[in-house]
């Protein structure tokens, strides 16, 4: 692979251990790795002029449901709380096919790429009509984003006291067998990996205790990470108390779902004891502020979590509960909500960007990503701060206060995925047209 030299950045926000900020500096890339950072670098390389730009690590999305891009703003679910929203959408999702999954994944990942994201997880927990997790894996590989798909699952339907329809749940032995197939076939644990598989029962209200426990045993045997939803809203807490006789944090601990190989989505309603548990065990949290607002779930206690030492990253969540997949906008929302809850000095723009970069990478077990330093992967976002969004800003590096919400350029493993604001790896216009046709057909079918 030829060398690339990003030249003359106004500011480089490294997010390295010292959180260095470099002015009028350059970055050299070779074979997918950052090989040099400094001023006045020279030598044979393809030069990309980044003057007038702020350069950051690629952002990291720790929680998504890519298939939901086909069900944005669905009537009946627009103003519902979590459980009612799910019950509205389950019958629509039951009609989806592998083509739906592939196309919606490409749309969701392209939207993330344009918002500066280079690494995304995805939580796919329903498999109707021949759908398989690799439908999304192939979509990510074609687009060129680093991917952490999770093999989600639901095994407790309505007739057994769960929330999902019986037609959408799976046999637990079959779930575990498919988990083994996917880890053996697609998981790459090496540094610089473009695909790592994690195991992810959907939630306490859609799987059994046995499946939670057995999934944890399997994941640790295979050396892969674990993910689920937890403590998302008041309904979630009430369900846990009624069904399990304990709060979600205790339920997770009892079943082996705490530790540095675990990250939970949402955690809006954790209490002080649960926060202490997660801090002590290094259990990660995917904070999804826009979705939490949209569903009326509340404001997650991110300031308290961070101060206690709980690892926190950002997630856009599904586009049926967020209606967007812009990760830099998500970071701004995270910052603003903590200020609403705790005061104007509760979270700075740079801290929120740190959560969106190295914070998310660390939660996903990827210390090779999420920071710009020699030896780390060349996942890099370039933000043009000469335009309207930054006009008049005294501190263009405070991107989340006054800055663009789409990148000029994006590099993943040293490969340019976005150039001058346009996705380079797929025909995005044609994909959008196909997505819209699929959405129309789903709407007509129901």
Protein backbone atom coordinates (compact mmCIF):
# COMPACT_ATOMS: atom_id res chain seq x y z
CA UNK A 1 0.00 0.00 0.00
CA UNK A 2 1.38 3.45 -0.90
CA UNK A 3 2.00 6.04 1.78
CA UNK A 4 -0.40 8.91 2.41
CA UNK A 5 0.60 12.19 4.01
CA UNK A 6 -2.12 14.37 5.54
CA UNK A 7 -0.49 17.78 5.34
CA UNK A 8 -0.92 21.09 7.17
CA UNK A 9 -3.87 20.38 9.51
CA UNK A 10 -4.89 23.47 11.45
CA UNK A 11 -5.36 21.27 14.51
CA UNK A 12 -4.90 17.58 15.23
CA UNK A 13 -6.86 16.37 18.26
CA UNK A 14 -4.90 13.21 18.97
CA UNK A 15 -6.92 11.76 21.88
CA UNK A 16 -3.68 10.03 22.85
CA UNK A 17 -2.78 9.40 26.49
CA UNK A 18 -1.68 13.02 26.89
CA UNK A 19 -4.66 14.37 24.90
CA UNK A 20 -2.20 16.40 22.82
CA UNK A 21 -3.47 19.01 20.40
CA UNK A 22 -1.05 19.80 17.57
CA UNK A 23 -1.19 22.92 15.42
CA UNK A 24 -0.18 23.03 11.73
CA UNK A 25 0.89 19.40 11.80
CA UNK A 26 0.95 16.35 9.53
CA UNK A 27 0.14 12.64 9.73
CA UNK A 28 1.85 9.92 7.70
CA UNK A 29 0.00 6.66 6.97
CA UNK A 30 1.45 3.41 5.65
CA UNK A 31 -0.14 -0.03 5.37
CA UNK A 32 -3.17 1.02 7.42
CA UNK A 33 -1.11 2.33 10.34
CA UNK A 34 -0.08 5.79 11.51
CA UNK A 35 3.70 5.91 11.15
CA UNK A 36 4.52 9.53 11.94
CA UNK A 37 2.88 12.65 13.41
CA UNK A 38 4.58 16.02 13.49
CA UNK A 39 5.31 19.24 11.70
CA UNK A 40 6.94 19.68 8.30
CA UNK A 41 6.93 15.98 7.41
CA UNK A 42 8.20 15.21 3.92
CA UNK A 43 9.14 12.32 1.67
CA UNK A 44 7.50 10.33 -1.09
CA UNK A 45 3.79 9.92 -0.39
CA UNK A 46 0.40 10.81 -1.78
CA UNK A 47 -0.27 14.22 -0.23
CA UNK A 48 -3.74 15.17 1.00
CA UNK A 49 -3.92 18.85 1.87
CA UNK A 50 -5.86 19.27 5.13
CA UNK A 51 -5.16 22.95 5.70
CA UNK A 52 -8.21 24.70 7.12
CA UNK A 53 -9.26 21.44 8.78
CA UNK A 54 -9.43 19.86 12.21
CA UNK A 55 -8.29 16.22 12.20
CA UNK A 56 -9.58 13.76 14.80
CA UNK A 57 -9.57 10.03 15.33
CA UNK A 58 -12.44 8.30 13.60
CA UNK A 59 -15.50 8.23 15.81
CA UNK A 60 -16.70 4.93 17.28
CA UNK A 61 -20.36 3.84 17.44
CA UNK A 62 -20.94 1.30 20.22
CA UNK A 63 -24.64 0.54 19.67
CA UNK A 64 -26.83 0.40 16.58
CA UNK A 65 -29.64 -1.58 14.97
CA UNK A 66 -28.87 -1.03 11.30
CA UNK A 67 -31.97 -2.81 10.02
CA UNK A 68 -34.15 -0.11 11.59
CA UNK A 69 -33.14 2.37 8.88
CA UNK A 70 -36.07 0.91 6.93
CA UNK A 71 -38.58 1.92 9.62
CA UNK A 72 -37.92 5.56 10.39
CA UNK A 73 -40.79 7.72 11.64
CA UNK A 74 -43.35 4.89 11.50
CA UNK A 75 -46.86 6.13 12.45
CA UNK A 76 -48.00 4.53 15.68
CA UNK A 77 -44.46 4.42 16.99
CA UNK A 78 -43.58 8.09 16.75
CA UNK A 79 -44.84 9.00 20.21
CA UNK A 80 -44.64 5.71 22.11
CA UNK A 81 -42.52 4.61 25.06
CA UNK A 82 -40.10 1.73 24.60
CA UNK A 83 -42.45 -1.25 25.05
CA UNK A 84 -45.29 0.22 22.96
CA UNK A 85 -42.82 1.31 20.31
CA UNK A 86 -41.44 -2.23 20.06
CA UNK A 87 -44.91 -3.77 19.85
CA UNK A 88 -45.75 -1.45 16.95
CA UNK A 89 -42.61 -2.33 15.01
CA UNK A 90 -42.16 -6.06 15.62
CA UNK A 91 -44.77 -7.06 12.96
CA UNK A 92 -43.05 -4.87 10.37
CA UNK A 93 -39.59 -6.20 11.15
CA UNK A 94 -40.96 -9.75 10.84
CA UNK A 95 -41.36 -9.13 7.09
CA UNK A 96 -37.70 -8.30 6.48
CA UNK A 97 -35.45 -10.39 4.24
CA UNK A 98 -31.69 -10.69 3.70
CA UNK A 99 -31.91 -7.97 1.03
CA UNK A 100 -33.53 -5.63 3.52
CA UNK A 101 -30.75 -6.29 6.02
CA UNK A 102 -27.95 -5.76 3.52
CA UNK A 103 -29.33 -2.54 2.08
CA UNK A 104 -30.31 -0.98 5.41
CA UNK A 105 -26.85 -1.83 6.79
CA UNK A 106 -25.17 -0.03 3.90
CA UNK A 107 -27.39 3.02 4.34
CA UNK A 108 -26.81 3.14 8.09
CA UNK A 109 -23.05 2.67 7.78
CA UNK A 110 -22.79 5.28 5.01
CA UNK A 111 -24.63 7.77 7.20
CA UNK A 112 -22.22 6.98 10.03
CA UNK A 113 -19.21 7.37 7.75
CA UNK A 114 -20.32 10.81 6.65
CA UNK A 115 -20.58 11.79 10.33
CA UNK A 116 -16.98 10.77 11.00
CA UNK A 117 -17.46 7.17 12.18
CA UNK A 118 -14.82 4.59 11.27
CA UNK A 119 -15.79 1.72 13.62
CA UNK A 120 -19.34 0.62 14.40
CA UNK A 121 -20.95 -2.17 16.30
CA UNK A 122 -24.40 -3.45 15.34
CA UNK A 123 -26.96 -5.39 17.36
CA UNK A 124 -29.05 -7.66 15.11
CA UNK A 125 -31.39 -9.73 17.27
CA UNK A 126 -34.11 -10.92 14.86
CA UNK A 127 -33.68 -13.31 11.96
CA UNK A 128 -36.88 -13.70 9.92
CA UNK A 129 -37.13 -15.12 6.39
CA UNK A 130 -33.61 -16.49 6.11
CA UNK A 131 -31.82 -13.44 7.51
CA UNK A 132 -28.29 -14.11 8.81
CA UNK A 133 -25.76 -11.90 10.53
CA UNK A 134 -23.43 -12.06 7.55
CA UNK A 135 -25.93 -10.01 5.54
CA UNK A 136 -24.65 -7.04 7.55
CA UNK A 137 -21.03 -8.23 7.62
CA UNK A 138 -20.89 -8.26 3.82
CA UNK A 139 -22.49 -4.80 3.68
CA UNK A 140 -19.84 -3.36 6.00
CA UNK A 141 -17.00 -5.03 4.09
CA UNK A 142 -18.19 -3.54 0.80
CA UNK A 143 -18.54 -0.07 2.29
CA UNK A 144 -15.17 -0.33 4.07
CA UNK A 145 -16.01 0.48 7.68
CA UNK A 146 -14.46 -1.39 10.58
CA UNK A 147 -17.29 -3.51 12.00
CA UNK A 148 -18.23 -5.23 15.25
CA UNK A 149 -21.46 -7.11 14.52
CA UNK A 150 -23.19 -8.79 17.44
CA UNK A 151 -25.21 -11.98 17.15
CA UNK A 152 -28.34 -10.90 18.98
CA UNK A 153 -31.17 -13.19 19.93
CA UNK A 154 -34.70 -13.41 21.33
CA UNK A 155 -36.03 -16.63 22.82
CA UNK A 156 -38.96 -15.66 25.09
CA UNK A 157 -42.09 -14.68 23.19
CA UNK A 158 -45.40 -13.26 24.34
CA UNK A 159 -46.87 -16.64 25.23
CA UNK A 160 -44.02 -17.22 27.71
CA UNK A 161 -44.17 -13.79 29.31
CA UNK A 162 -41.76 -11.97 27.02
CA UNK A 163 -42.39 -8.93 24.84
CA UNK A 164 -41.69 -10.06 21.24
CA UNK A 165 -44.20 -12.03 19.14
CA UNK A 166 -43.67 -15.79 19.25
CA UNK A 167 -42.92 -15.82 15.50
CA UNK A 168 -39.76 -13.74 16.05
CA UNK A 169 -38.13 -15.84 18.78
CA UNK A 170 -35.67 -18.67 18.21
CA UNK A 171 -34.82 -21.99 19.81
CA UNK A 172 -32.01 -21.46 22.32
CA UNK A 173 -29.90 -24.41 21.19
CA UNK A 174 -30.10 -23.15 17.61
CA UNK A 175 -29.06 -19.66 18.76
CA UNK A 176 -25.95 -20.98 20.48
CA UNK A 177 -25.05 -23.16 17.50
CA UNK A 178 -25.28 -20.15 15.20
CA UNK A 179 -23.14 -18.12 17.59
CA UNK A 180 -20.42 -20.75 17.28
CA UNK A 181 -20.73 -20.75 13.47
CA UNK A 182 -20.39 -16.98 13.26
CA UNK A 183 -17.46 -16.66 15.65
CA UNK A 184 -15.59 -19.48 13.91
CA UNK A 185 -16.38 -18.08 10.46
CA UNK A 186 -16.08 -14.32 10.80
CA UNK A 187 -14.36 -13.24 14.04
CA UNK A 188 -10.85 -11.88 13.58
CA UNK A 189 -9.17 -11.14 16.94
CA UNK A 190 -5.95 -9.75 15.44
CA UNK A 191 -4.82 -6.15 15.83
CA UNK A 192 -6.19 -4.09 12.97
CA UNK A 193 -9.08 -6.50 12.46
CA UNK A 194 -11.89 -5.24 10.25
CA UNK A 195 -14.48 -7.58 11.78
CA UNK A 196 -14.95 -8.89 15.30
CA UNK A 197 -18.09 -10.75 16.32
CA UNK A 198 -19.70 -10.38 19.75
CA UNK A 199 -22.62 -12.27 21.31
CA UNK A 200 -25.69 -10.28 22.32
CA UNK A 201 -28.96 -11.64 23.73
CA UNK A 202 -31.40 -8.81 23.15
CA UNK A 203 -32.64 -7.89 26.61
CA UNK A 204 -33.87 -9.28 29.94
CA UNK A 205 -37.46 -9.14 28.64
CA UNK A 206 -36.81 -11.22 25.50
CA UNK A 207 -34.44 -14.03 26.55
CA UNK A 208 -34.26 -16.55 29.38
CA UNK A 209 -31.85 -16.64 32.28
CA UNK A 210 -30.39 -19.82 30.81
CA UNK A 211 -29.64 -18.17 27.48
CA UNK A 212 -27.99 -15.20 29.18
CA UNK A 213 -25.85 -17.49 31.32
CA UNK A 214 -24.98 -19.93 28.51
CA UNK A 215 -24.11 -17.10 26.14
CA UNK A 216 -21.68 -15.68 28.69
CA UNK A 217 -20.02 -19.08 29.10
CA UNK A 218 -19.75 -19.50 25.32
CA UNK A 219 -18.43 -15.99 24.74
CA UNK A 220 -15.69 -16.40 27.30
CA UNK A 221 -14.77 -19.81 25.94
CA UNK A 222 -14.44 -18.27 22.47
CA UNK A 223 -12.73 -15.10 23.70
CA UNK A 224 -15.33 -12.70 22.29
CA UNK A 225 -17.21 -9.80 23.85
CA UNK A 226 -20.80 -9.65 25.16
CA UNK A 227 -23.51 -7.05 24.70
CA UNK A 228 -27.16 -6.48 25.66
CA UNK A 229 -29.68 -3.78 26.59
CA UNK A 230 -29.99 -2.92 30.26
CA UNK A 231 -31.89 -0.51 32.53
CA UNK A 232 -33.19 1.49 29.58
CA UNK A 233 -36.27 3.07 31.18
CA UNK A 234 -38.72 2.77 34.07
CA UNK A 235 -40.65 -0.02 32.31
CA UNK A 236 -37.42 -1.99 32.05
CA UNK A 237 -36.73 -1.60 35.79
CA UNK A 238 -40.31 -2.59 36.70
CA UNK A 239 -40.09 -5.71 34.50
CA UNK A 240 -36.84 -6.77 36.17
CA UNK A 241 -38.23 -6.29 39.67
CA UNK A 242 -41.44 -8.18 38.86
CA UNK A 243 -39.92 -11.06 36.88
CA UNK A 244 -36.55 -11.51 38.58
CA UNK A 245 -37.02 -9.93 42.00
CA UNK A 246 -33.98 -7.70 41.57
CA UNK A 247 -32.70 -4.67 39.72
CA UNK A 248 -31.01 -5.05 36.29
CA UNK A 249 -27.49 -4.62 37.64
CA UNK A 250 -27.92 -7.47 40.11
CA UNK A 251 -29.51 -9.61 37.40
CA UNK A 252 -26.50 -8.98 35.15
CA UNK A 253 -24.04 -9.77 37.92
CA UNK A 254 -25.80 -13.01 38.88
CA UNK A 255 -25.57 -14.26 35.28
CA UNK A 256 -21.94 -13.31 34.65
CA UNK A 257 -22.72 -10.20 32.64
CA UNK A 258 -20.21 -7.80 34.16
CA UNK A 259 -16.55 -7.32 33.31
CA UNK A 260 -14.29 -5.66 30.76
CA UNK A 261 -15.56 -8.01 28.06
CA UNK A 262 -19.14 -6.73 28.53
CA UNK A 263 -20.83 -3.54 27.41
CA UNK A 264 -24.49 -2.68 28.01
CA UNK A 265 -26.65 -0.33 25.96
CA UNK A 266 -28.48 2.64 27.54
CA UNK A 267 -28.24 2.16 31.34
CA UNK A 268 -30.37 5.26 31.83
CA UNK A 269 -31.74 4.09 35.17
CA UNK A 270 -28.73 2.68 36.99
CA UNK A 271 -28.69 3.43 40.72
CA UNK A 272 -25.64 4.17 42.87
CA UNK A 273 -24.96 0.51 43.68
CA UNK A 274 -25.10 -0.46 40.01
CA UNK A 275 -22.77 2.36 39.06
CA UNK A 276 -20.30 1.19 41.70
CA UNK A 277 -20.57 -2.39 40.41
CA UNK A 278 -19.86 -1.36 36.82
CA UNK A 279 -16.93 0.80 37.91
CA UNK A 280 -15.42 -1.98 40.00
CA UNK A 281 -15.75 -4.55 37.21
CA UNK A 282 -14.89 -2.29 34.25
CA UNK A 283 -18.24 -3.00 32.59
CA UNK A 284 -18.85 -0.64 29.67
CA UNK A 285 -21.88 1.42 28.72
CA UNK A 286 -23.09 2.50 25.28
CA UNK A 287 -24.75 5.86 25.88
CA UNK A 288 -27.49 6.64 23.33
CA UNK A 289 -28.72 10.16 24.17
CA UNK A 290 -30.89 10.91 21.12
CA UNK A 291 -32.77 7.62 21.30
CA UNK A 292 -33.23 8.04 25.05
CA UNK A 293 -34.80 11.45 24.35
CA UNK A 294 -36.96 10.20 21.48
CA UNK A 295 -38.44 7.38 23.59
CA UNK A 296 -38.75 9.51 26.72
CA UNK A 297 -36.48 7.16 28.63
CA UNK A 298 -34.59 9.85 30.52
CA UNK A 299 -31.08 11.27 30.80
CA UNK A 300 -28.40 8.71 31.58
CA UNK A 301 -26.13 9.72 34.51
CA UNK A 302 -23.04 10.00 32.33
CA UNK A 303 -21.29 12.54 34.55
CA UNK A 304 -21.67 10.27 37.57
CA UNK A 305 -20.64 7.24 35.51
CA UNK A 306 -17.47 8.91 34.24
CA UNK A 307 -16.56 10.29 37.65
CA UNK A 308 -16.95 6.82 39.17
CA UNK A 309 -14.67 5.32 36.52
CA UNK A 310 -17.27 3.48 34.43
CA UNK A 311 -16.15 3.14 30.77
CA UNK A 312 -18.59 5.08 28.55
CA UNK A 313 -18.92 5.23 24.77
CA UNK A 314 -21.56 6.57 22.41
CA UNK A 315 -24.19 4.84 20.30
CA UNK A 316 -26.70 6.21 17.82
CA UNK A 317 -29.07 3.28 18.48
CA UNK A 318 -31.49 2.24 15.75
CA UNK A 319 -32.88 4.75 13.31
CA UNK A 320 -36.43 3.75 14.27
CA UNK A 321 -35.83 5.25 17.71
CA UNK A 322 -33.34 7.97 16.79
CA UNK A 323 -34.41 8.75 13.22
CA UNK A 324 -30.80 9.64 12.44
CA UNK A 325 -27.39 8.03 12.57
CA UNK A 326 -25.08 11.02 12.86
CA UNK A 327 -22.47 10.22 15.48
CA UNK A 328 -20.97 13.70 15.85
CA UNK A 329 -24.50 15.05 16.43
CA UNK A 330 -24.92 12.31 19.04
CA UNK A 331 -21.77 13.50 20.80
CA UNK A 332 -23.12 17.05 20.89
CA UNK A 333 -26.40 15.79 22.36
CA UNK A 334 -24.50 13.85 25.03
CA UNK A 335 -22.69 17.04 26.01
CA UNK A 336 -25.84 19.16 26.07
CA UNK A 337 -27.91 16.70 28.11
CA UNK A 338 -25.29 16.49 30.85
CA UNK A 339 -25.33 20.29 31.00
CA UNK A 340 -29.13 20.26 31.26
CA UNK A 341 -28.95 17.77 34.12
CA UNK A 342 -25.81 18.93 35.93
CA UNK A 343 -24.97 22.49 34.85
CA UNK A 344 -23.09 24.24 32.06
CA UNK A 345 -19.69 22.98 33.25
CA UNK A 346 -20.78 19.33 33.48
CA UNK A 347 -19.19 18.27 30.18
CA UNK A 348 -16.88 20.05 27.75
CA UNK A 349 -16.89 19.68 23.99
CA UNK A 350 -13.53 17.93 24.13
CA UNK A 351 -14.65 15.43 26.77
CA UNK A 352 -17.71 14.52 24.70
CA UNK A 353 -15.48 14.02 21.65
CA UNK A 354 -13.17 11.84 23.75
CA UNK A 355 -16.15 9.66 24.68
CA UNK A 356 -17.03 9.41 20.98
CA UNK A 357 -13.51 8.33 19.98
CA UNK A 358 -11.17 6.56 22.39
CA UNK A 359 -14.02 6.01 24.87
CA UNK A 360 -15.97 3.89 22.41
CA UNK A 361 -12.88 2.14 21.08
CA UNK A 362 -11.86 1.06 24.57
CA UNK A 363 -15.34 -0.29 25.32
CA UNK A 364 -15.21 -2.41 22.15
CA UNK A 365 -11.81 -3.77 23.12
CA UNK A 366 -10.03 -1.79 20.40
CA UNK A 367 -7.15 0.20 21.94
CA UNK A 368 -5.62 0.13 18.45
CA UNK A 369 -8.35 2.56 17.37
CA UNK A 370 -9.87 5.79 18.66
CA UNK A 371 -6.65 7.80 19.00
CA UNK A 372 -4.08 9.31 16.65
CA UNK A 373 -0.60 8.15 17.58
CA UNK A 374 2.21 6.24 15.97
CA UNK A 375 1.44 2.53 15.73
CA UNK A 376 -2.34 2.91 15.93
CA UNK A 377 -4.68 2.18 13.05
CA UNK A 378 -5.13 4.90 10.44
CA UNK A 379 -8.81 5.60 11.17
CA UNK A 380 -8.98 9.36 10.67
CA UNK A 381 -11.71 11.99 10.28
CA UNK A 382 -11.02 15.31 8.56
CA UNK A 383 -13.37 18.20 9.36
CA UNK A 384 -13.38 21.34 7.21
CA UNK A 385 -13.74 24.27 9.62
CA UNK A 386 -13.69 26.98 6.96
CA UNK A 387 -17.39 26.75 6.20
CA UNK A 388 -20.62 28.19 7.55
CA UNK A 389 -20.89 25.95 10.64
CA UNK A 390 -17.57 27.21 12.05
CA UNK A 391 -17.74 30.79 10.79
CA UNK A 392 -16.86 33.15 13.64
CA UNK A 393 -15.66 30.42 15.99
CA UNK A 394 -12.73 31.44 18.20
CA UNK A 395 -11.93 27.76 18.83
CA UNK A 396 -12.62 25.69 15.68
CA UNK A 397 -11.26 22.61 17.49
CA UNK A 398 -14.33 22.75 19.78
CA UNK A 399 -16.19 20.95 17.01
CA UNK A 400 -19.23 20.08 19.09
CA UNK A 401 -19.91 23.72 19.92
CA UNK A 402 -19.51 25.21 16.45
CA UNK A 403 -18.47 22.84 13.72
CA UNK A 404 -19.58 20.71 10.79
CA UNK A 405 -21.67 17.58 11.31
CA UNK A 406 -20.30 15.84 8.22
CA UNK A 407 -16.69 15.08 7.36
CA UNK A 408 -14.74 16.30 4.39
CA UNK A 409 -12.60 13.14 4.29
CA UNK A 410 -12.61 9.83 6.15
CA UNK A 411 -9.91 7.16 6.22
CA UNK A 412 -10.38 3.62 7.56
CA UNK A 413 -7.28 1.44 7.81
CA UNK A 414 -5.65 4.06 5.58
CA UNK A 415 -8.24 3.66 2.83
CA UNK A 416 -10.17 6.78 1.86
CA UNK A 417 -13.88 6.02 2.34
CA UNK A 418 -15.14 9.61 2.07
CA UNK A 419 -13.56 12.24 -0.18
CA UNK A 420 -14.80 15.84 -0.31
CA UNK A 421 -17.98 14.84 1.49
CA UNK A 422 -18.87 11.94 -0.83
CA UNK A 423 -18.79 8.20 -0.10
CA UNK A 424 -16.31 6.55 -2.47
CA UNK A 425 -16.92 2.83 -2.05
CA UNK A 426 -20.57 2.30 -3.01
CA UNK A 427 -23.10 3.99 -5.29
CA UNK A 428 -24.90 5.81 -2.51
CA UNK A 429 -27.56 7.40 -4.72
CA UNK A 430 -28.63 3.99 -6.07
CA UNK A 431 -28.57 2.48 -2.58
CA UNK A 432 -30.79 5.25 -1.22
CA UNK A 433 -33.25 4.67 -4.07
CA UNK A 434 -33.34 0.94 -3.33
CA UNK A 435 -33.82 1.62 0.39
CA UNK A 436 -36.74 3.97 -0.25
CA UNK A 437 -38.43 1.44 -2.54
CA UNK A 438 -38.07 -1.25 0.13
CA UNK A 439 -39.56 1.06 2.77
CA UNK A 440 -42.53 1.86 0.53
CA UNK A 441 -43.16 -1.85 -0.05
CA UNK A 442 -43.03 -2.58 3.69
CA UNK A 443 -45.48 0.26 4.36
CA UNK A 444 -47.89 -1.03 1.71
CA UNK A 445 -47.66 -4.58 3.09
CA UNK A 446 -48.82 -3.55 6.57
